[in-house]
Amino acid sequence: MRRTKQEDGFWVAPEVPGLELHQAAYTRWTFPKHSHDVFSLCAYDAGAQSMHLQGQRVLASVGSLLAVS
């Protein structure tokens, strides 16, 4: 899959329109409430992330696969 780089670790694959990819490593980082214009698929290979989705607290850790539209 060819990558087209965007800003700050985000890229899109022209072969899969509407899918965003992001590779990152955060330590004690908080994002403000936000949304995405496209489908996001998150695979966790290290660490964990706690978030609120659709009014519920979700914990994603190593081995988790999270799909957000």
Protein backbone atom coordinates (compact mmCIF):
# COMPACT_ATOMS: atom_id res chain seq x y z
CA MET A 1 0.00 0.00 0.00
CA ARG A 2 1.58 3.28 -1.11
CA ARG A 3 1.48 6.03 1.51
CA THR A 4 0.66 9.65 0.80
CA LYS A 5 2.00 11.56 3.78
CA GLN A 6 -0.04 14.22 5.50
CA GLU A 7 0.74 16.20 8.64
CA ASP A 8 1.85 14.88 12.01
CA GLY A 9 2.01 11.15 11.34
CA PHE A 10 -1.26 10.93 9.42
CA TRP A 11 -1.45 9.53 5.91
CA VAL A 12 -4.03 8.24 3.50
CA ALA A 13 -3.76 5.35 1.10
CA PRO A 14 -5.13 6.37 -2.31
CA GLU A 15 -6.14 2.73 -2.87
CA VAL A 16 -8.55 2.92 0.11
CA PRO A 17 -10.46 6.22 -0.09
CA GLY A 18 -12.04 7.41 3.13
CA LEU A 19 -9.55 5.65 5.44
CA GLU A 20 -7.03 7.59 7.51
CA LEU A 21 -3.93 6.04 9.04
CA HIS A 22 -1.96 7.36 11.97
CA GLN A 23 1.11 6.02 13.68
CA ALA A 24 1.99 7.58 17.01
CA ALA A 25 3.37 7.09 20.48
CA TYR A 26 1.95 9.34 23.18
CA THR A 27 2.76 9.58 26.87
CA ARG A 28 0.15 11.22 29.10
CA TRP A 29 -1.44 13.02 26.16
CA THR A 30 -5.01 14.34 26.17
CA PHE A 31 -6.93 15.17 23.02
CA PRO A 32 -9.80 17.65 23.16
CA LYS A 33 -13.21 16.33 22.12
CA HIS A 34 -13.10 15.97 18.33
CA SER A 35 -14.37 14.00 15.36
CA HIS A 36 -12.92 12.57 12.18
CA ASP A 37 -14.19 13.18 8.65
CA VAL A 38 -13.31 9.64 7.58
CA PHE A 39 -13.26 6.12 9.01
CA SER A 40 -10.47 5.49 11.55
CA LEU A 41 -9.06 2.06 12.33
CA CYS A 42 -6.79 1.89 15.40
CA ALA A 43 -4.52 -1.09 16.12
CA TYR A 44 -2.64 -1.03 19.44
CA ASP A 45 0.74 -2.75 19.51
CA ALA A 46 1.99 -1.13 22.74
CA GLY A 47 0.57 0.80 25.67
CA ALA A 48 -3.09 1.67 26.17
CA GLN A 49 -5.57 4.47 25.57
CA SER A 50 -8.66 5.43 27.54
CA MET A 51 -11.37 7.39 25.72
CA HIS A 52 -15.06 8.24 25.70
CA LEU A 53 -17.02 6.93 22.72
CA GLN A 54 -20.77 7.30 22.36
CA GLY A 55 -21.13 8.12 26.06
CA GLN A 56 -19.10 5.14 27.30
CA ARG A 57 -15.55 4.88 28.62
CA VAL A 58 -13.48 2.57 26.43
CA LEU A 59 -10.03 1.19 27.24
CA ALA A 60 -7.97 0.00 24.28
CA SER A 61 -4.76 -1.88 25.06
CA VAL A 62 -2.18 -4.09 23.34
CA GLY A 63 -3.92 -6.33 20.83
CA SER A 64 -7.03 -4.12 20.59
CA LEU A 65 -8.50 -3.11 17.26
CA LEU A 66 -10.80 -0.10 17.39
CA ALA A 67 -12.97 1.08 14.49
CA VAL A 68 -14.38 4.62 14.67
CA SER A 69 -16.59 6.24 12.08
